[in-house]
Amino acid sequence: MKDSVDDSQTVPRVASDPPAQPAEEPMLYCPVCSRKLAARKCKLFCEICGYYMSCSDYY
């Protein structure tokens, strides 16, 4: 005798949630005015208030 599955009692498939977006690094935001810093070569700088961080400051 074959086992049969009653389709009316099966659980519908649910699409999984999309993967969460990676959180942005806090160092990418200006500590003075909270705007996103712009990257130029080895520096991050704020176009609003003039704050900048060089690559040696990252560590």
N, C-alpha and C. Protein backbone atom coordinates (compact mmCIF):
# COMPACT_ATOMS: atom_id res chain seq x y z
N MET A 1 0.83 -1.18 0.00
CA MET A 1 0.00 0.00 0.00
C MET A 1 0.88 1.25 0.00
N LYS A 2 0.57 2.21 -0.85
CA LYS A 2 1.35 3.44 -0.95
C LYS A 2 0.86 4.46 0.07
N ASP A 3 1.83 5.19 0.61
CA ASP A 3 1.46 6.31 1.49
C ASP A 3 1.10 7.48 0.59
N SER A 4 0.00 8.08 0.87
CA SER A 4 -0.38 9.25 0.08
C SER A 4 -0.42 10.47 0.98
N VAL A 5 -0.11 11.59 0.40
CA VAL A 5 -0.09 12.86 1.14
C VAL A 5 -1.30 13.66 0.72
N ASP A 6 -2.03 14.12 1.71
CA ASP A 6 -3.20 14.95 1.43
C ASP A 6 -2.72 16.38 1.27
N ASP A 7 -2.78 16.95 0.05
CA ASP A 7 -2.29 18.30 -0.23
C ASP A 7 -3.00 19.37 0.59
N SER A 8 -4.19 19.11 1.06
CA SER A 8 -4.92 20.13 1.82
C SER A 8 -4.35 20.31 3.21
N GLN A 9 -3.49 19.39 3.66
CA GLN A 9 -2.94 19.49 5.00
C GLN A 9 -1.45 19.84 5.02
N THR A 10 -0.87 20.07 3.88
CA THR A 10 0.55 20.43 3.85
C THR A 10 0.72 21.91 4.15
N VAL A 11 1.82 22.22 4.71
CA VAL A 11 2.12 23.62 5.06
C VAL A 11 2.66 24.31 3.82
N PRO A 12 2.11 25.46 3.48
CA PRO A 12 2.62 26.16 2.30
C PRO A 12 4.05 26.65 2.53
N ARG A 13 4.81 26.66 1.47
CA ARG A 13 6.18 27.17 1.56
C ARG A 13 6.16 28.68 1.71
N VAL A 14 7.01 29.16 2.56
CA VAL A 14 7.12 30.60 2.78
C VAL A 14 8.50 31.02 2.31
N ALA A 15 8.53 32.05 1.52
CA ALA A 15 9.83 32.56 1.06
C ALA A 15 10.61 33.07 2.26
N SER A 16 11.86 32.75 2.31
CA SER A 16 12.68 33.22 3.43
C SER A 16 12.91 34.72 3.30
N ASP A 17 13.16 35.32 4.43
CA ASP A 17 13.43 36.75 4.43
C ASP A 17 14.72 37.02 3.67
N PRO A 18 14.78 38.14 2.95
CA PRO A 18 16.02 38.46 2.26
C PRO A 18 17.13 38.71 3.27
N PRO A 19 18.36 38.48 2.91
CA PRO A 19 19.45 38.71 3.86
C PRO A 19 19.49 40.17 4.27
N ALA A 20 19.79 40.38 5.53
CA ALA A 20 19.86 41.74 6.06
C ALA A 20 21.00 42.50 5.40
N GLN A 21 20.80 43.77 5.17
CA GLN A 21 21.85 44.62 4.62
C GLN A 21 22.93 44.79 5.68
N PRO A 22 24.19 44.73 5.30
CA PRO A 22 25.24 44.93 6.29
C PRO A 22 25.17 46.34 6.84
N ALA A 23 25.36 46.45 8.13
CA ALA A 23 25.33 47.77 8.76
C ALA A 23 26.55 48.57 8.31
N GLU A 24 26.35 49.84 8.11
CA GLU A 24 27.47 50.67 7.70
C GLU A 24 28.36 50.95 8.90
N GLU A 25 29.62 51.11 8.61
CA GLU A 25 30.60 51.37 9.66
C GLU A 25 30.38 52.77 10.25
N PRO A 26 30.39 52.88 11.56
CA PRO A 26 30.23 54.20 12.19
C PRO A 26 31.33 55.18 11.79
N MET A 27 32.51 54.67 11.45
CA MET A 27 33.60 55.58 11.07
C MET A 27 33.35 56.27 9.74
N LEU A 28 32.31 55.85 9.00
CA LEU A 28 31.99 56.50 7.73
C LEU A 28 31.13 57.74 7.92
N TYR A 29 30.85 58.12 9.17
CA TYR A 29 30.04 59.29 9.47
C TYR A 29 30.84 60.29 10.27
N CYS A 30 30.60 61.55 10.02
CA CYS A 30 31.32 62.64 10.68
C CYS A 30 30.95 62.69 12.16
N PRO A 31 31.96 62.70 13.04
CA PRO A 31 31.67 62.79 14.47
C PRO A 31 31.22 64.18 14.89
N VAL A 32 31.39 65.18 14.03
CA VAL A 32 31.00 66.56 14.34
C VAL A 32 29.56 66.83 13.95
N CYS A 33 29.20 66.52 12.70
CA CYS A 33 27.85 66.87 12.22
C CYS A 33 27.02 65.68 11.77
N SER A 34 27.54 64.46 11.89
CA SER A 34 26.84 63.21 11.59
C SER A 34 26.51 62.98 10.12
N ARG A 35 27.08 63.75 9.23
CA ARG A 35 26.89 63.51 7.79
C ARG A 35 27.82 62.40 7.34
N LYS A 36 27.48 61.73 6.25
CA LYS A 36 28.33 60.66 5.72
C LYS A 36 29.60 61.28 5.14
N LEU A 37 30.74 60.68 5.49
CA LEU A 37 32.02 61.18 5.00
C LEU A 37 32.25 60.74 3.57
N ALA A 38 32.88 61.60 2.80
CA ALA A 38 33.24 61.29 1.41
C ALA A 38 34.67 60.74 1.40
N ALA A 39 34.93 59.79 0.52
CA ALA A 39 36.26 59.19 0.42
C ALA A 39 37.04 59.83 -0.71
N ARG A 40 38.29 60.14 -0.44
CA ARG A 40 39.20 60.64 -1.46
C ARG A 40 40.59 60.10 -1.15
N LYS A 41 41.05 59.21 -2.02
CA LYS A 41 42.32 58.51 -1.83
C LYS A 41 42.36 57.86 -0.46
N CYS A 42 43.27 58.30 0.40
CA CYS A 42 43.44 57.68 1.71
C CYS A 42 42.78 58.50 2.81
N LYS A 43 41.83 59.34 2.46
CA LYS A 43 41.19 60.19 3.45
C LYS A 43 39.68 60.09 3.38
N LEU A 44 39.05 60.28 4.51
CA LEU A 44 37.61 60.46 4.58
C LEU A 44 37.39 61.89 5.05
N PHE A 45 36.52 62.61 4.36
CA PHE A 45 36.32 64.00 4.78
C PHE A 45 34.85 64.37 4.71
N CYS A 46 34.49 65.37 5.50
CA CYS A 46 33.11 65.85 5.54
C CYS A 46 33.01 67.09 4.66
N GLU A 47 32.12 67.02 3.68
CA GLU A 47 31.94 68.15 2.77
C GLU A 47 31.15 69.28 3.43
N ILE A 48 30.53 69.02 4.57
CA ILE A 48 29.74 70.04 5.25
C ILE A 48 30.58 70.87 6.22
N CYS A 49 31.25 70.19 7.17
CA CYS A 49 31.97 70.95 8.21
C CYS A 49 33.48 70.95 8.04
N GLY A 50 34.03 70.13 7.13
CA GLY A 50 35.46 70.14 6.89
C GLY A 50 36.26 69.12 7.70
N TYR A 51 35.62 68.36 8.55
CA TYR A 51 36.32 67.33 9.33
C TYR A 51 36.97 66.34 8.36
N TYR A 52 38.16 65.84 8.69
CA TYR A 52 38.76 64.79 7.88
C TYR A 52 39.51 63.79 8.74
N MET A 53 39.67 62.61 8.20
CA MET A 53 40.38 61.55 8.86
C MET A 53 41.29 60.90 7.82
N SER A 54 42.57 60.79 8.12
CA SER A 54 43.48 60.18 7.16
C SER A 54 43.54 58.67 7.43
N CYS A 55 44.17 57.94 6.51
CA CYS A 55 44.20 56.49 6.64
C CYS A 55 44.96 56.05 7.89
N SER A 56 45.89 56.84 8.38
CA SER A 56 46.60 56.47 9.59
C SER A 56 45.70 56.61 10.82
N ASP A 57 44.61 57.34 10.72
CA ASP A 57 43.68 57.51 11.84
C ASP A 57 42.70 56.35 11.96
N TYR A 58 42.60 55.49 10.95
CA TYR A 58 41.63 54.41 10.96
C TYR A 58 41.90 53.41 12.05
N TYR A 59 43.15 53.25 12.44
CA TYR A 59 43.53 52.19 13.37
C TYR A 59 43.84 52.69 14.71
